[in-house]
Amino acid sequence: RERESMCGIGAVYESGKWNEDKVKEAIECIANRGPDENETTYVRKNMVLLASVLHLRGIKCMKQPFSMKDSRDILLWNGEVFGGRPVVTEKQSDTKRVFEVLSSATADSSRKDVGVRILKVLDMIEGPWATMYWHHKTQTLWFGRDRLGRRSLLLRFEREEENVLKSLRISSVLPASEHNKYVVPADKDEYKLVDSVWQAIPPTGLFGVCFDGEDNLCGFEHIPRRSSLSSASSSSKVSASSPLPVRLERILRDAVKQRVLGIAQSKHVAVLFSGGLDSAVLAAMLGQVLEKDKVVELINVCFDHPKYNSPDRDAALRVFEELRESQPKRKFRLILVNVSWKEVQTQAKHVMNLIRPRETQMDFNIAVAMWFAARGRGHLASSPSTCYISKARVLLLGIGADEQLGGYLRHHSQLKVKGEEGLRDEMQMDVKRLWRRNLGRDDRVVSDLGKEIRLPYLDENVTKLISSTPLRDLVGGSDKFVDKKVLRDVAVNLGIKHAASLKKRAIQFGSRISKRSGIHLFGSVRKANKARAGVSLCSLDAILGEPC
């Protein structure tokens, strides 16, 4: 097999004097995402495509930018084909198959319809992706993200005239020198690209730029999506007559299985493990589906120096024992990652650059917790005196469970005040804005460590089942509201009853990073809450300075 996985991808264009330093910087900022291979390809004298690859599957690493001998088209592919079309067998490369289908679909196309054909192919894919495709015949570069925006892709451009670009840069990560030139997407349905600042590319369709007869780069063309979030998902193999918890368990287990089997480069797969409901269910399912010779690493992070006691730590220790009792033949390893505020300060500048264009204190707190957890440097719960570093290159996260299954307190309020229709609207809004608030940020943070996040709760078949289920079956009625009720039933079926009873705690609270940052920046948690610290802009000087 030659199945690669996560990549860092980028493009650089300059209309004037070519600046090789911009290319070097572009390569450096994505290098951590793909530590195994990195290459550049010039499509014109003033435009270069670049990629770095994290090799997870097979003996041979598939290099990018990718092309074939009989073609001058080029693909940059940062994604996974888990289902849909094209069909990718175990012996085939995702990148190669996607390229073959795109090349075939656009062979006789013109500038008028090439973007439409490319988007049609991409939107039949089940799985996360961010991509760029250079179509040589029409001298156009097309780029975009999957419907949910599960992989990061950022953009910066300057105009010479209204429709002529002076410069263009596309990257998985914002370059370090550009830390003051960015804009945060607003929570609105419509989103317009802005000149001269870095911004997240919205997952609203496909964007294209093209060269005209005078070698000017013209932009942007936007091909909008016309289908819903779940339209590409395949039909369920689970009988509709089965109880909802049974159907969700089977479909979610299949999603976990698709995301972890065949990872030949490591015998370890990890879960970002708070000990809460979402991560506990993923850990139990991972234990069920992973090959017998592989290890499930459960990574729990805590910032409550010096005792390192926190709600998440207590929950993790208890659910860890529950998992071992329910699956005695599976090797689970609980990695306890303890982080002092001094260590946070050491990595603060780096983490702040990764979260941009996000910029609030809450973004920073979440990102710090994820970065240290993904690094996985701690000790085993079974051996406190021995240092242990996670060996996993794939990390499962529970993102998407709260948004789809009524996991927030405001969901109960919406149900009370506006009924089922109001709650459904609220939950759909939560899913639609994941790309703005969570997904790009989390992808950049974890990928910086040469690891890849996998998100089973956002699998197309999981989202299709949930979106087609009456809300009363997901959370109960307004008088009997239970957040993530159906997932709690799944946890009971999996033998992790304690996890099924736990209340939701966001990672920044359960790990105590919010407490530590609040005390440092404001003097106390109470003062931090009064100042609405979570939504305030994050200040590197304040984080690195003396405590308040």
Protein backbone atom coordinates (compact mmCIF):
# COMPACT_ATOMS: atom_id res chain seq x y z
CA ARG A 1 0.00 0.00 0.00
CA GLU A 2 1.04 3.59 -0.66
CA ARG A 3 -1.59 5.42 1.37
CA GLU A 4 -0.22 8.62 2.83
CA SER A 5 -2.23 10.81 5.14
CA MET A 6 -1.96 14.29 6.56
CA CYS A 7 -0.09 17.03 4.74
CA GLY A 8 0.79 20.66 4.96
CA ILE A 9 -0.01 22.39 1.67
CA GLY A 10 0.66 25.84 0.29
CA ALA A 11 1.00 28.12 -2.72
CA VAL A 12 2.90 31.36 -3.37
CA TYR A 13 2.37 33.84 -6.23
CA GLU A 14 4.02 37.24 -6.78
CA SER A 15 3.36 39.48 -9.79
CA GLY A 16 6.48 41.61 -9.29
CA LYS A 17 10.00 40.75 -8.21
CA TRP A 18 10.17 37.14 -7.03
CA ASN A 19 10.91 36.81 -3.32
CA GLU A 20 12.52 33.47 -2.55
CA ASP A 21 12.33 34.22 1.19
CA LYS A 22 8.52 34.01 0.98
CA VAL A 23 8.83 30.49 -0.44
CA LYS A 24 11.26 29.43 2.29
CA GLU A 25 8.95 30.80 4.95
CA ALA A 26 5.98 29.02 3.37
CA ILE A 27 7.86 25.72 3.46
CA GLU A 28 9.00 26.22 7.06
CA CYS A 29 5.55 27.01 8.42
CA ILE A 30 4.04 23.74 7.11
CA ALA A 31 7.08 21.52 7.72
CA ASN A 32 5.92 20.26 11.14
CA ARG A 33 2.65 19.03 9.65
CA GLY A 34 4.47 16.64 7.33
CA PRO A 35 7.87 15.73 8.74
CA ASP A 36 8.47 12.78 6.39
CA GLU A 37 8.58 14.45 2.94
CA ASN A 38 8.48 17.99 1.53
CA GLU A 39 8.60 19.14 -2.10
CA THR A 40 7.97 22.23 -4.25
CA THR A 41 6.71 22.49 -7.85
CA TYR A 42 6.77 25.64 -9.99
CA VAL A 43 3.70 25.77 -12.23
CA ARG A 44 4.86 29.13 -13.64
CA LYS A 45 7.94 31.22 -13.07
CA ASN A 46 6.07 33.28 -10.47
CA MET A 47 3.86 30.62 -8.85
CA VAL A 48 4.99 27.67 -6.76
CA LEU A 49 3.02 24.88 -5.06
CA LEU A 50 4.46 23.17 -1.99
CA ALA A 51 3.62 20.31 0.34
CA SER A 52 4.91 18.34 3.33
CA VAL A 53 3.65 14.81 4.03
CA LEU A 54 3.07 12.84 7.23
CA HIS A 55 3.46 9.18 6.25
CA LEU A 56 1.06 6.93 8.16
CA ARG A 57 0.22 4.02 5.88
CA GLY A 58 2.19 1.65 3.70
CA ILE A 59 5.87 1.18 2.94
CA LYS A 60 6.25 3.95 0.37
CA CYS A 61 5.48 7.59 1.08
CA MET A 62 3.45 9.26 -1.69
CA LYS A 63 5.17 12.55 -2.48
CA GLN A 64 3.35 15.80 -3.14
CA PRO A 65 2.71 18.04 -5.08
CA PHE A 66 1.34 15.09 -7.05
CA SER A 67 1.08 14.57 -10.79
CA MET A 68 1.39 11.72 -13.31
CA LYS A 69 3.58 11.24 -16.36
CA ASP A 70 0.81 11.79 -18.91
CA SER A 71 -0.58 14.90 -17.20
CA ARG A 72 0.49 18.46 -16.44
CA ASP A 73 -2.23 18.93 -13.82
CA ILE A 74 -1.07 18.97 -10.17
CA LEU A 75 -2.85 18.00 -6.95
CA LEU A 76 -2.15 19.05 -3.38
CA TRP A 77 -4.25 16.77 -1.19
CA ASN A 78 -4.54 17.02 2.58
CA GLY A 79 -7.34 14.59 3.22
CA GLU A 80 -8.70 11.11 3.73
CA VAL A 81 -11.21 9.18 1.61
CA PHE A 82 -13.20 7.16 4.14
CA GLY A 83 -16.16 6.47 1.87
CA GLY A 84 -18.31 7.81 -0.94
CA ARG A 85 -16.63 8.21 -4.31
CA PRO A 86 -14.06 7.59 -5.63
CA VAL A 87 -13.76 4.14 -4.10
CA VAL A 88 -10.24 3.66 -2.72
CA THR A 89 -9.12 0.10 -1.95
CA GLU A 90 -6.54 -0.85 0.66
CA LYS A 91 -3.92 -1.20 -2.09
CA GLN A 92 -4.55 2.25 -3.56
CA SER A 93 -3.41 5.74 -2.71
CA ASP A 94 -6.04 8.33 -1.76
CA THR A 95 -4.04 11.06 -3.49
CA LYS A 96 -3.57 9.10 -6.69
CA ARG A 97 -7.22 8.05 -6.93
CA VAL A 98 -8.50 11.57 -6.31
CA PHE A 99 -6.08 12.90 -8.93
CA GLU A 100 -7.16 10.27 -11.47
CA VAL A 101 -10.83 11.10 -11.06
CA LEU A 102 -10.24 14.87 -11.15
CA SER A 103 -8.03 14.55 -14.21
CA SER A 104 -10.61 12.46 -16.03
CA ALA A 105 -13.51 14.74 -15.06
CA THR A 106 -11.74 17.89 -16.28
CA ALA A 107 -9.89 16.56 -19.35
CA ASP A 108 -12.18 18.29 -21.89
CA SER A 109 -13.39 21.13 -19.68
CA SER A 110 -13.11 24.85 -20.28
CA ARG A 111 -12.65 27.73 -17.87
CA LYS A 112 -16.41 28.06 -17.80
CA ASP A 113 -17.12 24.65 -16.27
CA VAL A 114 -13.85 23.28 -14.83
CA GLY A 115 -14.56 24.51 -11.28
CA VAL A 116 -18.04 23.00 -11.28
CA ARG A 117 -16.65 19.63 -12.35
CA ILE A 118 -13.92 19.68 -9.70
CA LEU A 119 -16.36 20.52 -6.89
CA LYS A 120 -18.75 17.79 -8.03
CA VAL A 121 -15.97 15.20 -7.68
CA LEU A 122 -14.76 16.51 -4.31
CA ASP A 123 -18.21 16.67 -2.78
CA MET A 124 -18.78 12.96 -3.38
CA ILE A 125 -15.92 12.18 -0.99
CA GLU A 126 -16.70 11.13 2.57
CA GLY A 127 -13.94 12.32 4.84
CA PRO A 128 -11.97 15.45 5.74
CA TRP A 129 -10.00 17.36 3.15
CA ALA A 130 -8.37 20.61 2.15
CA THR A 131 -7.01 20.71 -1.37
CA MET A 132 -5.55 22.67 -4.28
CA TYR A 133 -5.75 21.58 -7.91
CA TRP A 134 -3.75 23.18 -10.73
CA HIS A 135 -5.57 22.68 -14.03
CA HIS A 136 -2.92 23.25 -16.69
CA LYS A 137 -5.18 23.47 -19.75
CA THR A 138 -7.12 26.42 -18.36
CA GLN A 139 -4.21 27.84 -16.30
CA THR A 140 -6.38 27.89 -13.18
CA LEU A 141 -5.74 27.05 -9.53
CA TRP A 142 -8.71 25.77 -7.54
CA PHE A 143 -8.79 25.37 -3.77
CA GLY A 144 -11.22 24.65 -0.95
CA ARG A 145 -12.19 22.55 2.06
CA ASP A 146 -14.77 19.87 2.84
CA ARG A 147 -18.29 20.88 3.87
CA LEU A 148 -17.41 21.10 7.57
CA GLY A 149 -13.94 22.58 7.18
CA ARG A 150 -12.21 19.78 9.08
CA ARG A 151 -8.74 20.60 7.70
CA SER A 152 -7.12 24.02 7.97
CA LEU A 153 -6.56 26.19 4.90
CA LEU A 154 -5.69 29.91 5.11
CA LEU A 155 -5.45 32.61 2.46
CA ARG A 156 -3.88 36.04 1.97
CA PHE A 157 -3.95 38.14 -1.19
CA GLU A 158 -3.35 41.69 -2.43
CA ARG A 159 -4.92 43.30 -5.49
CA GLU A 160 -3.23 45.38 -8.18
CA GLU A 161 -6.57 46.22 -9.76
CA GLU A 162 -10.14 45.20 -8.98
CA ASN A 163 -9.82 41.73 -10.52
CA VAL A 164 -6.01 41.41 -10.84
CA LEU A 165 -3.94 40.01 -7.98
CA LYS A 166 -0.58 41.40 -6.94
CA SER A 167 0.16 38.48 -4.65
CA LEU A 168 -1.44 35.29 -3.36
CA ARG A 169 -0.48 32.98 -0.55
CA ILE A 170 -2.33 29.89 0.59
CA SER A 171 -1.18 27.80 3.56
CA SER A 172 -2.31 25.25 6.13
CA VAL A 173 -0.69 27.44 8.83
CA LEU A 174 -0.20 31.19 9.19
CA PRO A 175 3.49 32.18 8.73
CA ALA A 176 5.14 33.48 11.90
CA SER A 177 6.07 36.84 10.35
CA GLU A 178 2.41 37.55 9.55
CA HIS A 179 1.07 37.41 13.10
CA ASN A 180 -0.51 40.88 12.96
CA LYS A 181 -2.11 40.53 9.52
CA TYR A 182 -5.22 38.43 9.94
CA VAL A 183 -8.97 38.65 10.37
CA VAL A 184 -11.31 36.47 12.42
CA PRO A 185 -14.38 35.19 10.52
CA ALA A 186 -17.62 36.51 11.97
CA ASP A 187 -20.45 34.14 12.87
CA LYS A 188 -22.54 35.00 9.83
CA ASP A 189 -23.95 32.86 7.02
CA GLU A 190 -22.23 34.92 4.33
CA TYR A 191 -18.49 35.45 4.34
CA LYS A 192 -16.47 37.59 1.93
CA LEU A 193 -12.74 37.35 1.29
CA VAL A 194 -10.79 40.39 2.51
CA ASP A 195 -7.69 41.98 0.93
CA SER A 196 -4.26 42.10 2.60
CA VAL A 197 -4.98 39.91 5.64
CA TRP A 198 -4.77 36.21 6.43
CA GLN A 199 -8.15 34.51 6.80
CA ALA A 200 -9.65 31.04 6.98
CA ILE A 201 -10.98 29.86 3.63
CA PRO A 202 -14.70 29.24 4.21
CA PRO A 203 -16.06 25.77 3.34
CA THR A 204 -18.80 27.29 1.20
CA GLY A 205 -17.63 25.77 -2.07
CA LEU A 206 -14.62 26.01 -4.35
CA PHE A 207 -12.48 29.08 -5.06
CA GLY A 208 -10.46 29.65 -8.23
CA VAL A 209 -7.89 32.03 -9.68
CA CYS A 210 -6.72 32.06 -13.31
CA PHE A 211 -4.02 33.56 -15.53
CA ASP A 212 -5.19 35.74 -18.40
CA GLY A 213 -3.52 36.26 -21.81
CA GLU A 214 -1.18 38.90 -20.35
CA ASP A 215 0.08 36.69 -17.51
CA ASN A 216 -1.99 38.48 -14.88
CA LEU A 217 -3.47 36.34 -12.10
CA CYS A 218 -7.18 37.12 -11.87
CA GLY A 219 -9.41 36.21 -8.96
CA PHE A 220 -11.63 35.09 -7.38
CA GLU A 221 -14.23 32.78 -8.85
CA HIS A 222 -16.46 31.08 -6.31
CA ILE A 223 -18.39 27.90 -7.10
CA PRO A 224 -20.95 27.55 -4.27
CA ARG A 225 -22.11 24.27 -2.80
CA ARG A 226 -25.74 23.44 -3.48
CA SER A 227 -26.16 20.43 -1.21
CA SER A 228 -26.61 19.96 2.53
CA LEU A 229 -23.96 18.89 5.00
CA SER A 230 -24.97 15.24 4.85
CA SER A 231 -25.93 14.81 1.20
CA ALA A 232 -22.77 12.90 0.27
CA SER A 233 -23.16 10.25 2.98
CA SER A 234 -24.00 6.72 2.01
CA SER A 235 -27.01 4.80 3.19
CA SER A 236 -26.84 3.16 6.59
CA LYS A 237 -26.31 -0.58 6.87
CA VAL A 238 -28.14 -0.60 10.21
CA SER A 239 -31.84 -1.40 10.21
CA ALA A 240 -34.03 1.61 10.92
CA SER A 241 -36.13 -0.62 13.19
CA SER A 242 -33.22 -1.02 15.63
CA PRO A 243 -33.29 1.16 18.77
CA LEU A 244 -31.54 4.50 18.25
CA PRO A 245 -28.67 3.78 20.70
CA VAL A 246 -27.93 0.55 18.79
CA ARG A 247 -27.92 2.34 15.44
CA LEU A 248 -25.71 5.16 16.71
CA GLU A 249 -23.32 2.72 18.37
CA ARG A 250 -22.86 0.68 15.18
CA ILE A 251 -22.45 3.66 12.86
CA LEU A 252 -20.10 5.46 15.25
CA ARG A 253 -18.05 2.29 15.74
CA ASP A 254 -17.74 1.96 11.95
CA ALA A 255 -16.54 5.58 11.82
CA VAL A 256 -13.89 4.86 14.46
CA LYS A 257 -12.83 1.70 12.63
CA GLN A 258 -12.43 3.51 9.30
CA ARG A 259 -10.17 6.06 10.94
CA VAL A 260 -7.73 3.72 12.71
CA LEU A 261 -7.27 0.52 10.75
CA GLY A 262 -4.25 0.10 8.51
CA ILE A 263 -1.98 2.63 10.25
CA ALA A 264 1.22 0.72 9.66
CA GLN A 265 3.68 3.31 10.93
CA SER A 266 2.76 2.93 14.59
CA LYS A 267 1.33 0.28 16.90
CA HIS A 268 -0.29 2.98 19.00
CA VAL A 269 -3.45 5.05 18.49
CA ALA A 270 -4.40 7.74 20.99
CA VAL A 271 -7.52 9.43 22.32
CA LEU A 272 -7.50 12.93 23.79
CA PHE A 273 -8.98 11.61 27.01
CA SER A 274 -10.75 13.85 29.49
CA GLY A 275 -12.50 10.85 31.01
CA GLY A 276 -15.78 12.45 29.97
CA LEU A 277 -18.58 10.87 27.98
CA ASP A 278 -17.44 11.76 24.44
CA SER A 279 -13.84 10.59 24.77
CA ALA A 280 -14.76 7.55 26.87
CA VAL A 281 -17.11 6.25 24.16
CA LEU A 282 -14.38 6.71 21.53
CA ALA A 283 -11.85 4.92 23.76
CA ALA A 284 -14.18 1.96 24.31
CA MET A 285 -14.93 1.64 20.60
CA LEU A 286 -11.26 2.00 19.71
CA GLY A 287 -10.50 -0.87 22.06
CA GLN A 288 -13.11 -2.99 20.26
CA VAL A 289 -12.01 -2.36 16.67
CA LEU A 290 -8.24 -1.87 16.78
CA GLU A 291 -5.96 -4.75 15.74
CA LYS A 292 -5.11 -7.06 18.66
CA ASP A 293 -1.40 -6.22 18.68
CA LYS A 294 -1.98 -2.46 18.98
CA VAL A 295 -2.13 -0.22 22.03
CA VAL A 296 -4.79 2.34 22.95
CA GLU A 297 -3.19 5.40 24.51
CA LEU A 298 -5.45 7.62 26.61
CA ILE A 299 -3.87 11.05 27.02
CA ASN A 300 -5.05 13.21 29.92
CA VAL A 301 -3.67 16.69 30.55
CA CYS A 302 -3.74 18.71 33.78
CA PHE A 303 -2.47 22.21 34.64
CA ASP A 304 -3.31 22.27 38.37
CA HIS A 305 0.30 22.65 39.58
CA PRO A 306 1.67 21.34 41.93
CA LYS A 307 -0.88 18.72 43.05
CA TYR A 308 -2.24 18.04 39.57
CA ASN A 309 -5.76 17.26 40.70
CA SER A 310 -8.58 18.27 38.39
CA PRO A 311 -12.07 17.10 37.43
CA ASP A 312 -10.74 15.60 34.19
CA ARG A 313 -7.90 13.80 36.00
CA ASP A 314 -10.29 12.22 38.50
CA ALA A 315 -12.69 11.17 35.74
CA ALA A 316 -9.88 9.77 33.58
CA LEU A 317 -8.50 7.58 36.36
CA ARG A 318 -11.91 6.13 37.16
CA VAL A 319 -13.03 5.54 33.56
CA PHE A 320 -9.61 4.05 32.77
CA GLU A 321 -10.31 1.31 35.31
CA GLU A 322 -13.80 0.87 33.87
CA LEU A 323 -12.35 0.37 30.38
CA ARG A 324 -9.83 -2.19 31.60
CA GLU A 325 -12.56 -4.13 33.40
CA SER A 326 -14.87 -4.12 30.36
CA GLN A 327 -12.07 -5.08 27.92
CA PRO A 328 -9.48 -7.07 29.94
CA LYS A 329 -7.62 -8.33 26.85
CA ARG A 330 -7.04 -4.87 25.36
CA LYS A 331 -3.89 -2.97 26.32
CA PHE A 332 -4.92 0.50 27.47
CA ARG A 333 -2.30 3.00 28.61
CA LEU A 334 -3.35 6.10 30.51
CA ILE A 335 -0.77 8.85 29.97
CA LEU A 336 -0.91 11.59 32.59
CA VAL A 337 0.49 14.85 31.23
CA ASN A 338 1.23 17.42 33.95
CA VAL A 339 2.00 20.97 32.81
CA SER A 340 3.17 23.91 34.93
CA TRP A 341 2.44 27.54 34.10
CA LYS A 342 6.14 28.02 33.37
CA GLU A 343 5.88 25.40 30.63
CA VAL A 344 2.80 27.16 29.25
CA GLN A 345 4.78 30.41 29.06
CA THR A 346 7.60 28.62 27.23
CA GLN A 347 5.26 27.53 24.42
CA ALA A 348 2.85 30.48 24.51
CA LYS A 349 4.22 32.39 21.53
CA HIS A 350 4.31 29.29 19.37
CA VAL A 351 0.78 28.21 20.31
CA MET A 352 -0.60 31.71 19.74
CA ASN A 353 0.76 31.67 16.22
CA LEU A 354 -0.91 28.30 15.58
CA ILE A 355 -4.37 29.43 16.70
CA ARG A 356 -4.44 32.52 14.46
CA PRO A 357 -6.65 33.79 12.96
CA ARG A 358 -8.46 32.81 16.18
CA GLU A 359 -7.38 35.17 18.96
CA THR A 360 -9.35 34.95 22.22
CA GLN A 361 -8.12 33.78 25.61
CA MET A 362 -10.50 30.81 25.35
CA ASP A 363 -8.93 29.82 22.02
CA PHE A 364 -5.50 30.00 23.64
CA ASN A 365 -6.56 27.95 26.67
CA ILE A 366 -8.10 25.20 24.53
CA ALA A 367 -5.13 25.19 22.16
CA VAL A 368 -2.58 24.94 24.98
CA ALA A 369 -4.43 21.97 26.46
CA MET A 370 -4.58 20.25 23.06
CA TRP A 371 -0.95 21.01 22.17
CA PHE A 372 0.48 19.55 25.39
CA ALA A 373 -1.89 16.58 25.23
CA ALA A 374 -0.98 15.86 21.61
CA ARG A 375 2.72 16.08 22.48
CA GLY A 376 1.94 13.28 24.95
CA ARG A 377 4.91 13.73 27.26
CA GLY A 378 4.07 12.54 30.77
CA HIS A 379 3.98 9.33 32.78
CA LEU A 380 1.82 6.24 32.84
CA ALA A 381 -0.84 6.04 35.52
CA SER A 382 0.54 2.59 36.32
CA SER A 383 4.12 3.89 36.68
CA PRO A 384 4.21 7.45 38.11
CA SER A 385 7.99 7.59 38.42
CA THR A 386 8.73 6.69 34.79
CA CYS A 387 8.65 9.24 31.96
CA TYR A 388 6.57 8.15 28.97
CA ILE A 389 6.09 9.79 25.57
CA SER A 390 3.12 8.89 23.39
CA LYS A 391 4.06 6.87 20.33
CA ALA A 392 0.80 7.52 18.48
CA ARG A 393 0.64 9.54 15.27
CA VAL A 394 -3.17 9.48 15.08
CA LEU A 395 -5.27 11.14 17.78
CA LEU A 396 -9.05 10.74 18.12
CA LEU A 397 -11.00 13.77 19.35
CA GLY A 398 -14.62 14.05 20.47
CA ILE A 399 -15.38 17.26 18.55
CA GLY A 400 -18.93 17.37 17.22
CA ALA A 401 -20.71 15.40 19.94
CA ASP A 402 -21.85 18.43 21.95
CA GLU A 403 -22.95 20.39 18.89
CA GLN A 404 -25.06 17.58 17.43
CA LEU A 405 -26.39 15.87 20.55
CA GLY A 406 -27.48 18.76 22.78
CA GLY A 407 -24.37 18.94 24.94
CA TYR A 408 -24.53 22.60 25.96
CA LEU A 409 -26.62 24.21 28.71
CA ARG A 410 -28.01 26.74 26.23
CA HIS A 411 -29.49 23.83 24.27
CA HIS A 412 -31.83 23.12 27.17
CA SER A 413 -32.76 26.80 27.32
CA GLN A 414 -33.52 26.86 23.60
CA LEU A 415 -35.73 23.81 23.94
CA LYS A 416 -37.67 25.40 26.79
CA VAL A 417 -38.14 28.76 25.12
CA LYS A 418 -38.40 27.93 21.41
CA GLY A 419 -39.27 24.23 21.36
CA GLU A 420 -37.80 21.53 19.14
CA GLU A 421 -37.58 23.76 16.09
CA GLY A 422 -35.59 26.36 18.02
CA LEU A 423 -33.24 23.74 19.42
CA ARG A 424 -32.71 22.16 15.99
CA ASP A 425 -31.84 25.60 14.56
CA GLU A 426 -29.39 26.20 17.40
CA MET A 427 -27.65 22.85 16.93
CA GLN A 428 -27.43 23.29 13.16
CA MET A 429 -25.86 26.69 13.72
CA ASP A 430 -23.32 25.10 16.09
CA VAL A 431 -22.29 22.59 13.43
CA LYS A 432 -22.14 25.19 10.64
CA ARG A 433 -19.77 27.43 12.61
CA LEU A 434 -17.40 24.66 13.72
CA TRP A 435 -15.03 25.66 10.89
CA ARG A 436 -14.82 29.18 12.29
CA ARG A 437 -14.48 28.36 15.96
CA ASN A 438 -12.86 24.94 16.32
CA LEU A 439 -11.81 22.79 13.42
CA GLY A 440 -9.13 24.81 11.67
CA ARG A 441 -7.58 25.83 14.98
CA ASP A 442 -7.51 22.29 16.38
CA ASP A 443 -6.12 20.87 13.14
CA ARG A 444 -3.26 23.39 13.15
CA VAL A 445 -2.44 22.80 16.83
CA VAL A 446 -2.30 19.00 16.76
CA SER A 447 -0.72 18.76 13.31
CA ASP A 448 2.13 20.98 14.46
CA LEU A 449 3.41 17.95 16.39
CA GLY A 450 3.45 15.71 13.31
CA LYS A 451 0.21 14.02 14.33
CA GLU A 452 -3.24 13.87 12.78
CA ILE A 453 -6.62 14.34 14.40
CA ARG A 454 -9.51 12.07 13.46
CA LEU A 455 -13.08 13.12 14.27
CA PRO A 456 -15.54 10.18 14.29
CA TYR A 457 -18.49 12.24 15.54
CA LEU A 458 -18.26 14.30 12.34
CA ASP A 459 -18.33 11.27 10.05
CA GLU A 460 -20.88 11.82 7.28
CA ASN A 461 -22.97 8.79 8.24
CA VAL A 462 -22.99 9.78 11.91
CA THR A 463 -24.15 13.31 11.10
CA LYS A 464 -26.79 11.97 8.70
CA LEU A 465 -28.26 9.67 11.36
CA ILE A 466 -28.32 12.40 14.00
CA SER A 467 -29.80 15.07 11.72
CA SER A 468 -32.62 12.74 10.66
CA THR A 469 -33.54 11.73 14.24
CA PRO A 470 -36.31 13.51 16.19
CA LEU A 471 -34.83 15.67 18.93
CA ARG A 472 -36.90 14.04 21.66
CA ASP A 473 -35.03 10.80 20.91
CA LEU A 474 -31.66 12.56 21.20
CA VAL A 475 -32.22 14.57 24.39
CA GLY A 476 -35.70 13.74 25.70
CA GLY A 477 -38.48 16.33 25.92
CA SER A 478 -38.24 19.82 27.44
CA ASP A 479 -39.39 18.44 30.81
CA LYS A 480 -37.02 15.46 30.67
CA PHE A 481 -34.01 17.04 28.98
CA VAL A 482 -30.81 15.00 29.28
CA ASP A 483 -27.79 16.34 27.40
CA LYS A 484 -26.48 13.74 24.93
CA LYS A 485 -29.04 11.23 26.22
CA VAL A 486 -28.59 8.80 23.33
CA LEU A 487 -24.79 8.83 23.71
CA ARG A 488 -25.17 8.09 27.42
CA ASP A 489 -27.25 5.06 26.48
CA VAL A 490 -24.47 3.99 24.11
CA ALA A 491 -21.93 4.30 26.94
CA VAL A 492 -24.01 2.04 29.16
CA ASN A 493 -24.18 -0.55 26.37
CA LEU A 494 -20.38 -0.36 26.09
CA GLY A 495 -19.93 -1.16 29.79
CA ILE A 496 -18.71 2.28 30.91
CA LYS A 497 -21.55 3.26 33.22
CA HIS A 498 -19.58 5.81 35.22
CA ALA A 499 -18.67 7.69 32.05
CA ALA A 500 -22.36 7.66 31.11
CA SER A 501 -23.20 9.59 34.29
CA LEU A 502 -20.59 12.36 34.03
CA LYS A 503 -21.50 16.00 33.48
CA LYS A 504 -19.98 17.92 30.60
CA ARG A 505 -16.84 19.91 31.27
CA ALA A 506 -15.05 21.76 28.50
CA ILE A 507 -11.34 20.93 28.22
CA GLN A 508 -10.24 24.37 29.41
CA PHE A 509 -12.18 23.92 32.66
CA GLY A 510 -11.72 20.21 33.25
CA SER A 511 -7.94 20.43 32.78
CA ARG A 512 -7.69 23.60 34.94
CA ILE A 513 -5.87 25.65 32.28
CA SER A 514 -8.64 28.26 32.46
CA LYS A 515 -8.15 28.49 36.23
CA ARG A 516 -4.38 28.85 35.96
CA SER A 517 -4.56 31.51 33.23
CA GLY A 518 -7.33 33.35 35.08
CA ILE A 519 -5.27 33.56 38.27
CA HIS A 520 -2.16 34.69 36.39
CA LEU A 521 -3.89 37.30 34.24
CA PHE A 522 -6.56 38.62 36.64
CA GLY A 523 -5.53 37.54 40.13
CA SER A 524 -8.42 35.12 40.69
CA VAL A 525 -10.98 33.03 38.85
CA ARG A 526 -13.77 35.32 40.10
CA LYS A 527 -12.09 38.41 38.65
CA ALA A 528 -11.40 36.58 35.39
CA ASN A 529 -15.08 35.62 35.08
CA LYS A 530 -16.16 39.16 35.85
CA ALA A 531 -13.87 40.44 33.08
CA ARG A 532 -15.25 37.83 30.66
CA ALA A 533 -11.70 36.60 30.18
CA GLY A 534 -12.68 33.76 27.88
CA VAL A 535 -13.86 36.02 25.05
CA SER A 536 -11.26 38.77 25.56
CA LEU A 537 -8.30 39.06 23.21
CA CYS A 538 -5.32 36.98 24.23
CA SER A 539 -2.23 39.03 25.17
CA LEU A 540 1.16 37.35 24.83
CA ASP A 541 2.79 40.07 26.94
CA ALA A 542 0.32 39.42 29.76
CA ILE A 543 0.86 35.66 29.59
CA LEU A 544 4.65 36.05 29.67
CA GLY A 545 4.59 38.81 32.29
CA GLU A 546 4.40 38.70 36.06
CA PRO A 547 1.20 37.37 37.70
CA CYS A 548 -1.51 39.90 38.45
